[in-house]
Amino acid sequence: MAGEVNTPTDRLLTVAEVAEHLGTSERFPRRLIAERRIRYVKVGRHVRIPQSALDAYIAARTVEPVRRPLSRSGYRLAA
């Protein structure tokens, strides 16, 4: 996130668009902004979030699944 620069083609999203993309209410992106957990741009009194900032936020919080090795018999162990 730090050091990223907005490119001229970087789309600026409204809070409502970010909320829709994340599948949340508008309150969640507003809280991210208030807590400075996501980059944003002030355009007058309006707040916009660059598409690249949203992509970086999602990428930083994506958890990859854990792959368990197969047992010697070739079957996965029961839980």
PDB file of N, CA and C in Angstrom:
ATOM      1  N   MET A   1       0.813  -1.182   0.000  1.00  0.00           N
ATOM      2  CA  MET A   1       0.000   0.000   0.000  1.00  0.00           C
ATOM      3  C   MET A   1       0.862   1.254   0.000  1.00  0.00           C
ATOM      4  N   ALA A   2       1.832   1.323   0.888  1.00  0.00           N
ATOM      5  CA  ALA A   2       2.690   2.504   0.954  1.00  0.00           C
ATOM      6  C   ALA A   2       3.532   2.580  -0.312  1.00  0.00           C
ATOM      7  N   GLY A   3       3.730   3.780  -0.788  1.00  0.00           N
ATOM      8  CA  GLY A   3       4.571   3.977  -1.954  1.00  0.00           C
ATOM      9  C   GLY A   3       3.841   3.820  -3.276  1.00  0.00           C
ATOM     10  N   GLU A   4       2.570   3.405  -3.240  1.00  0.00           N
ATOM     11  CA  GLU A   4       1.830   3.272  -4.474  1.00  0.00           C
ATOM     12  C   GLU A   4       1.399   4.653  -4.957  1.00  0.00           C
ATOM     13  N   VAL A   5       1.443   4.841  -6.241  1.00  0.00           N
ATOM     14  CA  VAL A   5       1.083   6.131  -6.823  1.00  0.00           C
ATOM     15  C   VAL A   5      -0.140   5.923  -7.692  1.00  0.00           C
ATOM     16  N   ASN A   6      -1.072   6.860  -7.607  1.00  0.00           N
ATOM     17  CA  ASN A   6      -2.239   6.803  -8.476  1.00  0.00           C
ATOM     18  C   ASN A   6      -1.797   7.086  -9.903  1.00  0.00           C
ATOM     19  N   THR A   7      -2.218   6.247 -10.818  1.00  0.00           N
ATOM     20  CA  THR A   7      -1.919   6.495 -12.223  1.00  0.00           C
ATOM     21  C   THR A   7      -3.073   7.290 -12.816  1.00  0.00           C
ATOM     22  N   PRO A   8      -2.844   7.992 -13.909  1.00  0.00           N
ATOM     23  CA  PRO A   8      -3.923   8.769 -14.517  1.00  0.00           C
ATOM     24  C   PRO A   8      -5.127   7.906 -14.910  1.00  0.00           C
ATOM     25  N   THR A   9      -4.912   6.625 -15.170  1.00  0.00           N
ATOM     26  CA  THR A   9      -6.008   5.741 -15.562  1.00  0.00           C
ATOM     27  C   THR A   9      -6.625   5.024 -14.367  1.00  0.00           C
ATOM     28  N   ASP A  10      -6.119   5.290 -13.162  1.00  0.00           N
ATOM     29  CA  ASP A  10      -6.648   4.656 -11.950  1.00  0.00           C
ATOM     30  C   ASP A  10      -8.028   5.234 -11.658  1.00  0.00           C
ATOM     31  N   ARG A  11      -9.041   4.402 -11.707  1.00  0.00           N
ATOM     32  CA  ARG A  11     -10.425   4.849 -11.505  1.00  0.00           C
ATOM     33  C   ARG A  11     -10.654   5.191 -10.036  1.00  0.00           C
ATOM     34  N   LEU A  12     -11.308   6.302  -9.780  1.00  0.00           N
ATOM     35  CA  LEU A  12     -11.657   6.704  -8.424  1.00  0.00           C
ATOM     36  C   LEU A  12     -13.078   6.240  -8.129  1.00  0.00           C
ATOM     37  N   LEU A  13     -13.215   5.449  -7.058  1.00  0.00           N
ATOM     38  CA  LEU A  13     -14.497   4.858  -6.704  1.00  0.00           C
ATOM     39  C   LEU A  13     -15.149   5.619  -5.559  1.00  0.00           C
ATOM     40  N   THR A  14     -16.469   5.687  -5.579  1.00  0.00           N
ATOM     41  CA  THR A  14     -17.195   6.278  -4.460  1.00  0.00           C
ATOM     42  C   THR A  14     -17.260   5.264  -3.324  1.00  0.00           C
ATOM     43  N   VAL A  15     -17.633   5.741  -2.155  1.00  0.00           N
ATOM     44  CA  VAL A  15     -17.783   4.855  -0.998  1.00  0.00           C
ATOM     45  C   VAL A  15     -18.845   3.793  -1.298  1.00  0.00           C
ATOM     46  N   ALA A  16     -19.913   4.187  -1.970  1.00  0.00           N
ATOM     47  CA  ALA A  16     -20.973   3.240  -2.314  1.00  0.00           C
ATOM     48  C   ALA A  16     -20.458   2.150  -3.263  1.00  0.00           C
ATOM     49  N   GLU A  17     -19.631   2.532  -4.246  1.00  0.00           N
ATOM     50  CA  GLU A  17     -19.071   1.545  -5.178  1.00  0.00           C
ATOM     51  C   GLU A  17     -18.131   0.582  -4.468  1.00  0.00           C
ATOM     52  N   VAL A  18     -17.331   1.097  -3.541  1.00  0.00           N
ATOM     53  CA  VAL A  18     -16.421   0.236  -2.776  1.00  0.00           C
ATOM     54  C   VAL A  18     -17.230  -0.734  -1.915  1.00  0.00           C
ATOM     55  N   ALA A  19     -18.271  -0.235  -1.276  1.00  0.00           N
ATOM     56  CA  ALA A  19     -19.126  -1.087  -0.443  1.00  0.00           C
ATOM     57  C   ALA A  19     -19.761  -2.191  -1.279  1.00  0.00           C
ATOM     58  N   GLU A  20     -20.234  -1.835  -2.462  1.00  0.00           N
ATOM     59  CA  GLU A  20     -20.847  -2.833  -3.346  1.00  0.00           C
ATOM     60  C   GLU A  20     -19.818  -3.883  -3.764  1.00  0.00           C
ATOM     61  N   HIS A  21     -18.620  -3.432  -4.103  1.00  0.00           N
ATOM     62  CA  HIS A  21     -17.554  -4.353  -4.529  1.00  0.00           C
ATOM     63  C   HIS A  21     -17.180  -5.320  -3.404  1.00  0.00           C
ATOM     64  N   LEU A  22     -17.141  -4.820  -2.163  1.00  0.00           N
ATOM     65  CA  LEU A  22     -16.783  -5.661  -1.013  1.00  0.00           C
ATOM     66  C   LEU A  22     -17.975  -6.456  -0.484  1.00  0.00           C
ATOM     67  N   GLY A  23     -19.172  -6.103  -0.916  1.00  0.00           N
ATOM     68  CA  GLY A  23     -20.358  -6.790  -0.430  1.00  0.00           C
ATOM     69  C   GLY A  23     -20.698  -6.397   1.002  1.00  0.00           C
ATOM     70  N   THR A  24     -20.464  -5.137   1.338  1.00  0.00           N
ATOM     71  CA  THR A  24     -20.725  -4.640   2.686  1.00  0.00           C
ATOM     72  C   THR A  24     -21.619  -3.413   2.614  1.00  0.00           C
ATOM     73  N   SER A  25     -21.945  -2.882   3.783  1.00  0.00           N
ATOM     74  CA  SER A  25     -22.664  -1.612   3.814  1.00  0.00           C
ATOM     75  C   SER A  25     -21.649  -0.487   3.604  1.00  0.00           C
ATOM     76  N   GLU A  26     -22.136   0.730   3.400  1.00  0.00           N
ATOM     77  CA  GLU A  26     -21.243   1.875   3.219  1.00  0.00           C
ATOM     78  C   GLU A  26     -20.482   2.207   4.504  1.00  0.00           C
ATOM     79  N   ARG A  27     -20.981   1.755   5.611  1.00  0.00           N
ATOM     80  CA  ARG A  27     -20.333   2.037   6.889  1.00  0.00           C
ATOM     81  C   ARG A  27     -18.909   1.437   6.959  1.00  0.00           C
ATOM     82  N   PHE A  28     -18.726   0.240   6.380  1.00  0.00           N
ATOM     83  CA  PHE A  28     -17.421  -0.419   6.455  1.00  0.00           C
ATOM     84  C   PHE A  28     -16.323   0.361   5.727  1.00  0.00           C
ATOM     85  N   PRO A  29     -16.505   0.762   4.448  1.00  0.00           N
ATOM     86  CA  PRO A  29     -15.455   1.560   3.804  1.00  0.00           C
ATOM     87  C   PRO A  29     -15.231   2.905   4.495  1.00  0.00           C
ATOM     88  N   ARG A  30     -16.296   3.489   5.029  1.00  0.00           N
ATOM     89  CA  ARG A  30     -16.125   4.751   5.762  1.00  0.00           C
ATOM     90  C   ARG A  30     -15.265   4.541   7.005  1.00  0.00           C
ATOM     91  N   ARG A  31     -15.431   3.400   7.665  1.00  0.00           N
ATOM     92  CA  ARG A  31     -14.603   3.096   8.830  1.00  0.00           C
ATOM     93  C   ARG A  31     -13.142   2.862   8.412  1.00  0.00           C
ATOM     94  N   LEU A  32     -12.932   2.187   7.274  1.00  0.00           N
ATOM     95  CA  LEU A  32     -11.565   1.992   6.763  1.00  0.00           C
ATOM     96  C   LEU A  32     -10.898   3.342   6.515  1.00  0.00           C
ATOM     97  N   ILE A  33     -11.653   4.280   5.984  1.00  0.00           N
ATOM     98  CA  ILE A  33     -11.131   5.621   5.715  1.00  0.00           C
ATOM     99  C   ILE A  33     -10.823   6.343   7.024  1.00  0.00           C
ATOM    100  N   ALA A  34     -11.761   6.309   7.958  1.00  0.00           N
ATOM    101  CA  ALA A  34     -11.589   7.010   9.237  1.00  0.00           C
ATOM    102  C   ALA A  34     -10.389   6.468  10.013  1.00  0.00           C
ATOM    103  N   GLU A  35     -10.174   5.151   9.926  1.00  0.00           N
ATOM    104  CA  GLU A  35      -9.055   4.521  10.637  1.00  0.00           C
ATOM    105  C   GLU A  35      -7.775   4.538   9.809  1.00  0.00           C
ATOM    106  N   ARG A  36      -7.837   5.132   8.616  1.00  0.00           N
ATOM    107  CA  ARG A  36      -6.686   5.227   7.696  1.00  0.00           C
ATOM    108  C   ARG A  36      -6.099   3.855   7.368  1.00  0.00           C
ATOM    109  N   ARG A  37      -6.986   2.895   7.125  1.00  0.00           N
ATOM    110  CA  ARG A  37      -6.568   1.544   6.775  1.00  0.00           C
ATOM    111  C   ARG A  37      -6.582   1.319   5.272  1.00  0.00           C
ATOM    112  N   ILE A  38      -7.024   2.344   4.507  1.00  0.00           N
ATOM    113  CA  ILE A  38      -7.039   2.276   3.050  1.00  0.00           C
ATOM    114  C   ILE A  38      -6.718   3.672   2.514  1.00  0.00           C
ATOM    115  N   ARG A  39      -6.004   3.715   1.384  1.00  0.00           N
ATOM    116  CA  ARG A  39      -5.687   5.003   0.766  1.00  0.00           C
ATOM    117  C   ARG A  39      -6.946   5.614   0.195  1.00  0.00           C
ATOM    118  N   TYR A  40      -7.033   6.929   0.268  1.00  0.00           N
ATOM    119  CA  TYR A  40      -8.179   7.621  -0.317  1.00  0.00           C
ATOM    120  C   TYR A  40      -7.754   8.991  -0.806  1.00  0.00           C
ATOM    121  N   VAL A  41      -8.619   9.600  -1.608  1.00  0.00           N
ATOM    122  CA  VAL A  41      -8.361  10.907  -2.195  1.00  0.00           C
ATOM    123  C   VAL A  41      -9.521  11.820  -1.815  1.00  0.00           C
ATOM    124  N   LYS A  42      -9.193  13.021  -1.374  1.00  0.00           N
ATOM    125  CA  LYS A  42     -10.225  14.025  -1.094  1.00  0.00           C
ATOM    126  C   LYS A  42     -10.372  14.893  -2.335  1.00  0.00           C
ATOM    127  N   VAL A  43     -11.568  14.971  -2.869  1.00  0.00           N
ATOM    128  CA  VAL A  43     -11.877  15.821  -4.009  1.00  0.00           C
ATOM    129  C   VAL A  43     -12.918  16.818  -3.500  1.00  0.00           C
ATOM    130  N   GLY A  44     -12.442  17.975  -3.067  1.00  0.00           N
ATOM    131  CA  GLY A  44     -13.340  18.910  -2.397  1.00  0.00           C
ATOM    132  C   GLY A  44     -13.786  18.292  -1.087  1.00  0.00           C
ATOM    133  N   ARG A  45     -15.085  18.152  -0.912  1.00  0.00           N
ATOM    134  CA  ARG A  45     -15.574  17.506   0.305  1.00  0.00           C
ATOM    135  C   ARG A  45     -15.888  16.031   0.081  1.00  0.00           C
ATOM    136  N   HIS A  46     -15.680  15.574  -1.147  1.00  0.00           N
ATOM    137  CA  HIS A  46     -15.963  14.189  -1.493  1.00  0.00           C
ATOM    138  C   HIS A  46     -14.742  13.318  -1.257  1.00  0.00           C
ATOM    139  N   VAL A  47     -14.988  12.071  -0.887  1.00  0.00           N
ATOM    140  CA  VAL A  47     -13.913  11.105  -0.669  1.00  0.00           C
ATOM    141  C   VAL A  47     -14.013  10.048  -1.761  1.00  0.00           C
ATOM    142  N   ARG A  48     -12.889   9.747  -2.386  1.00  0.00           N
ATOM    143  CA  ARG A  48     -12.832   8.718  -3.421  1.00  0.00           C
ATOM    144  C   ARG A  48     -11.693   7.758  -3.093  1.00  0.00           C
ATOM    145  N   ILE A  49     -11.895   6.498  -3.447  1.00  0.00           N
ATOM    146  CA  ILE A  49     -10.876   5.473  -3.204  1.00  0.00           C
ATOM    147  C   ILE A  49     -10.387   4.981  -4.559  1.00  0.00           C
ATOM    148  N   PRO A  50      -9.070   5.073  -4.804  1.00  0.00           N
ATOM    149  CA  PRO A  50      -8.543   4.582  -6.086  1.00  0.00           C
ATOM    150  C   PRO A  50      -8.748   3.072  -6.210  1.00  0.00           C
ATOM    151  N   GLN A  51      -9.046   2.621  -7.411  1.00  0.00           N
ATOM    152  CA  GLN A  51      -9.226   1.193  -7.671  1.00  0.00           C
ATOM    153  C   GLN A  51      -7.996   0.412  -7.218  1.00  0.00           C
ATOM    154  N   SER A  52      -6.802   0.960  -7.440  1.00  0.00           N
ATOM    155  CA  SER A  52      -5.570   0.270  -7.048  1.00  0.00           C
ATOM    156  C   SER A  52      -5.483   0.109  -5.531  1.00  0.00           C
ATOM    157  N   ALA A  53      -6.003   1.082  -4.765  1.00  0.00           N
ATOM    158  CA  ALA A  53      -5.995   0.977  -3.306  1.00  0.00           C
ATOM    159  C   ALA A  53      -6.937  -0.125  -2.845  1.00  0.00           C
ATOM    160  N   LEU A  54      -8.097  -0.230  -3.490  1.00  0.00           N
ATOM    161  CA  LEU A  54      -9.035  -1.303  -3.151  1.00  0.00           C
ATOM    162  C   LEU A  54      -8.442  -2.657  -3.497  1.00  0.00           C
ATOM    163  N   ASP A  55      -7.816  -2.765  -4.673  1.00  0.00           N
ATOM    164  CA  ASP A  55      -7.179  -4.020  -5.073  1.00  0.00           C
ATOM    165  C   ASP A  55      -6.073  -4.409  -4.095  1.00  0.00           C
ATOM    166  N   ALA A  56      -5.273  -3.427  -3.665  1.00  0.00           N
ATOM    167  CA  ALA A  56      -4.187  -3.702  -2.717  1.00  0.00           C
ATOM    168  C   ALA A  56      -4.751  -4.125  -1.361  1.00  0.00           C
ATOM    169  N   TYR A  57      -5.836  -3.493  -0.925  1.00  0.00           N
ATOM    170  CA  TYR A  57      -6.466  -3.846   0.344  1.00  0.00           C
ATOM    171  C   TYR A  57      -6.955  -5.289   0.309  1.00  0.00           C
ATOM    172  N   ILE A  58      -7.603  -5.663  -0.780  1.00  0.00           N
ATOM    173  CA  ILE A  58      -8.103  -7.031  -0.912  1.00  0.00           C
ATOM    174  C   ILE A  58      -6.956  -8.028  -0.980  1.00  0.00           C
ATOM    175  N   ALA A  59      -5.923  -7.719  -1.756  1.00  0.00           N
ATOM    176  CA  ALA A  59      -4.777  -8.626  -1.898  1.00  0.00           C
ATOM    177  C   ALA A  59      -4.052  -8.830  -0.569  1.00  0.00           C
ATOM    178  N   ALA A  60      -3.933  -7.766   0.222  1.00  0.00           N
ATOM    179  CA  ALA A  60      -3.225  -7.865   1.496  1.00  0.00           C
ATOM    180  C   ALA A  60      -3.990  -8.701   2.518  1.00  0.00           C
ATOM    181  N   ARG A  61      -5.298  -8.838   2.326  1.00  0.00           N
ATOM    182  CA  ARG A  61      -6.111  -9.575   3.290  1.00  0.00           C
ATOM    183  C   ARG A  61      -6.623 -10.906   2.760  1.00  0.00           C
ATOM    184  N   THR A  62      -6.131 -11.316   1.606  1.00  0.00           N
ATOM    185  CA  THR A  62      -6.524 -12.588   1.035  1.00  0.00           C
ATOM    186  C   THR A  62      -5.740 -13.704   1.711  1.00  0.00           C
ATOM    187  N   VAL A  63      -6.457 -14.692   2.189  1.00  0.00           N
ATOM    188  CA  VAL A  63      -5.838 -15.829   2.879  1.00  0.00           C
ATOM    189  C   VAL A  63      -5.917 -17.032   1.950  1.00  0.00           C
ATOM    190  N   GLU A  64      -4.768 -17.581   1.634  1.00  0.00           N
ATOM    191  CA  GLU A  64      -4.705 -18.738   0.756  1.00  0.00           C
ATOM    192  C   GLU A  64      -5.011 -20.008   1.557  1.00  0.00           C
ATOM    193  N   PRO A  65      -5.633 -20.997   0.913  1.00  0.00           N
ATOM    194  CA  PRO A  65      -5.943 -22.244   1.622  1.00  0.00           C
ATOM    195  C   PRO A  65      -4.673 -23.023   1.937  1.00  0.00           C
ATOM    196  N   VAL A  66      -4.733 -23.813   2.994  1.00  0.00           N
ATOM    197  CA  VAL A  66      -3.606 -24.645   3.393  1.00  0.00           C
ATOM    198  C   VAL A  66      -3.749 -25.993   2.704  1.00  0.00           C
ATOM    199  N   ARG A  67      -2.704 -26.414   2.066  1.00  0.00           N
ATOM    200  CA  ARG A  67      -2.709 -27.719   1.399  1.00  0.00           C
ATOM    201  C   ARG A  67      -2.070 -28.736   2.342  1.00  0.00           C
ATOM    202  N   ARG A  68      -2.839 -29.743   2.693  1.00  0.00           N
ATOM    203  CA  ARG A  68      -2.303 -30.790   3.567  1.00  0.00           C
ATOM    204  C   ARG A  68      -1.706 -31.890   2.710  1.00  0.00           C
ATOM    205  N   PRO A  69      -0.561 -32.408   3.119  1.00  0.00           N
ATOM    206  CA  PRO A  69       0.046 -33.496   2.339  1.00  0.00           C
ATOM    207  C   PRO A  69      -0.792 -34.769   2.470  1.00  0.00           C
ATOM    208  N   LEU A  70      -0.776 -35.574   1.427  1.00  0.00           N
ATOM    209  CA  LEU A  70      -1.481 -36.852   1.455  1.00  0.00           C
ATOM    210  C   LEU A  70      -0.737 -37.821   2.367  1.00  0.00           C
ATOM    211  N   SER A  71      -1.476 -38.729   2.990  1.00  0.00           N
ATOM    212  CA  SER A  71      -0.830 -39.753   3.808  1.00  0.00           C
ATOM    213  C   SER A  71      -0.150 -40.748   2.875  1.00  0.00           C
ATOM    214  N   ARG A  72       0.607 -41.665   3.422  1.00  0.00           N
ATOM    215  CA  ARG A  72       1.339 -42.633   2.597  1.00  0.00           C
ATOM    216  C   ARG A  72       0.404 -43.517   1.785  1.00  0.00           C
ATOM    217  N   SER A  73      -0.778 -43.763   2.312  1.00  0.00           N
ATOM    218  CA  SER A  73      -1.725 -44.647   1.594  1.00  0.00           C
ATOM    219  C   SER A  73      -2.395 -43.913   0.436  1.00  0.00           C
ATOM    220  N   GLY A  74      -2.191 -42.602   0.348  1.00  0.00           N
ATOM    221  CA  GLY A  74      -2.780 -41.859  -0.754  1.00  0.00           C
ATOM    222  C   GLY A  74      -4.107 -41.216  -0.379  1.00  0.00           C
ATOM    223  N   TYR A  75      -4.616 -41.511   0.816  1.00  0.00           N
ATOM    224  CA  TYR A  75      -5.871 -40.921   1.267  1.00  0.00           C
ATOM    225  C   TYR A  75      -5.586 -39.852   2.298  1.00  0.00           C
ATOM    226  N   ARG A  76      -6.437 -38.866   2.339  1.00  0.00           N
ATOM    227  CA  ARG A  76      -6.292 -37.825   3.344  1.00  0.00           C
ATOM    228  C   ARG A  76      -6.701 -38.397   4.695  1.00  0.00           C
ATOM    229  N   LEU A  77      -6.051 -37.883   5.730  1.00  0.00           N
ATOM    230  CA  LEU A  77      -6.360 -38.323   7.072  1.00  0.00           C
ATOM    231  C   LEU A  77      -7.692 -37.727   7.516  1.00  0.00           C
ATOM    232  N   ALA A  78      -8.450 -38.499   8.270  1.00  0.00           N
ATOM    233  CA  ALA A  78      -9.738 -37.999   8.784  1.00  0.00           C
ATOM    234  C   ALA A  78      -9.498 -37.018   9.908  1.00  0.00           C
ATOM    235  N   ALA A  79     -10.403 -36.100  10.077  1.00  0.00           N
ATOM    236  CA  ALA A  79     -10.240 -35.056  11.101  1.00  0.00           C
ATOM    237  C   ALA A  79     -10.442 -35.579  12.478  1.00  0.00           C
TER     238      ALA A  79
END
